[in-house]
Amino acid sequence: MREAWTDERLDDLNAKVDEGFRRQEVQVAEVRTDIRDVRGEVRDVRGEVRELRTEMNGRFDQMYRILVIASISLVVGFLGVIASILATGA
């Protein structure tokens, strides 16, 4: 069964549609604000990651220097032991 659409019913429908669009606009504005907040947080995290990467690179460089010094010390010590064995044995 079909109902007739009176001007009053059309006005009610128009008001409901307008209200729905208003609610949608508010929700879209909230989502945009949330996205802006997330972008700011991502920028902050990227900065922190860069700082950590720089710090880690510094630590790796320091470890490399320590390993080189320790290796040189072992070689010099080993050569010292060989030299002392040769000096006492000859």
Protein backbone atom coordinates (compact mmCIF):
# COMPACT_ATOMS: atom_id res chain seq x y z
CA MET A 1 0.00 0.00 0.00
CA ARG A 2 1.40 3.35 -1.02
CA GLU A 3 1.20 6.46 1.10
CA ALA A 4 0.88 9.94 -0.29
CA TRP A 5 3.75 12.35 0.29
CA THR A 6 2.34 15.57 1.62
CA ASP A 7 4.32 18.77 1.87
CA GLU A 8 4.46 18.31 5.63
CA ARG A 9 5.90 14.77 5.31
CA LEU A 10 8.44 15.98 2.74
CA ASP A 11 9.46 18.80 5.11
CA ASP A 12 9.92 16.24 7.92
CA LEU A 13 12.06 14.05 5.66
CA ASN A 14 14.08 17.08 4.58
CA ALA A 15 14.69 18.00 8.24
CA LYS A 16 15.81 14.44 9.04
CA VAL A 17 18.19 14.40 6.07
CA ASP A 18 19.61 17.79 7.05
CA GLU A 19 20.14 16.59 10.64
CA GLY A 20 21.88 13.45 9.34
CA PHE A 21 24.25 15.55 7.25
CA ARG A 22 24.97 17.83 10.23
CA ARG A 23 25.86 14.81 12.37
CA GLN A 24 28.02 13.47 9.57
CA GLU A 25 29.86 16.78 9.25
CA VAL A 26 30.61 16.75 12.98
CA GLN A 27 31.90 13.19 12.77
CA VAL A 28 34.09 14.02 9.77
CA ALA A 29 35.52 17.01 11.63
CA GLU A 30 36.31 14.76 14.61
CA VAL A 31 38.02 12.22 12.35
CA ARG A 32 40.11 14.97 10.76
CA THR A 33 41.16 16.19 14.18
CA ASP A 34 42.09 12.64 15.17
CA ILE A 35 44.13 12.24 11.98
CA ARG A 36 45.99 15.50 12.69
CA ASP A 37 46.75 14.27 16.21
CA VAL A 38 48.02 10.94 14.91
CA ARG A 39 50.22 12.68 12.34
CA GLY A 40 51.76 14.75 15.11
CA GLU A 41 52.41 11.64 17.18
CA VAL A 42 53.98 9.90 14.17
CA ARG A 43 56.29 12.89 13.69
CA ASP A 44 57.30 12.65 17.33
CA VAL A 45 58.00 8.93 17.04
CA ARG A 46 60.06 9.48 13.89
CA GLY A 47 62.15 12.03 15.76
CA GLU A 48 62.68 9.62 18.63
CA VAL A 49 63.69 6.85 16.22
CA ARG A 50 66.22 9.17 14.56
CA GLU A 51 67.69 10.03 17.96
CA LEU A 52 67.92 6.35 18.91
CA ARG A 53 69.53 5.49 15.58
CA THR A 54 72.13 8.21 16.09
CA GLU A 55 72.81 6.97 19.62
CA MET A 56 73.10 3.35 18.46
CA ASN A 57 75.48 4.31 15.66
CA GLY A 58 77.65 6.09 18.22
CA ARG A 59 77.68 3.02 20.43
CA PHE A 60 78.55 0.73 17.52
CA ASP A 61 81.41 3.06 16.57
CA GLN A 62 82.64 2.94 20.16
CA MET A 63 82.44 -0.88 20.21
CA TYR A 64 84.36 -1.02 16.93
CA ARG A 65 87.15 1.15 18.38
CA ILE A 66 87.32 -1.05 21.48
CA LEU A 67 87.51 -4.20 19.35
CA VAL A 68 90.30 -2.74 17.21
CA ILE A 69 92.28 -1.70 20.30
CA ALA A 70 91.74 -5.10 21.94
CA SER A 71 92.83 -6.90 18.75
CA ILE A 72 95.96 -4.79 18.43
CA SER A 73 96.73 -5.41 22.12
CA LEU A 74 96.37 -9.18 21.65
CA VAL A 75 98.64 -9.17 18.61
CA VAL A 76 101.26 -7.07 20.42
CA GLY A 77 101.04 -9.32 23.47
CA PHE A 78 101.34 -12.44 21.34
CA LEU A 79 104.36 -10.98 19.54
CA GLY A 80 105.88 -10.08 22.94
CA VAL A 81 105.47 -13.66 24.14
CA ILE A 82 107.08 -15.01 20.95
CA ALA A 83 109.92 -12.49 21.24
CA SER A 84 110.59 -13.43 24.85
CA ILE A 85 110.55 -17.18 23.99
CA LEU A 86 113.00 -16.57 21.14
CA ALA A 87 115.19 -14.37 23.34
CA THR A 88 115.43 -16.94 26.16
CA GLY A 89 115.74 -19.93 23.85
CA ALA A 90 118.53 -18.60 21.69
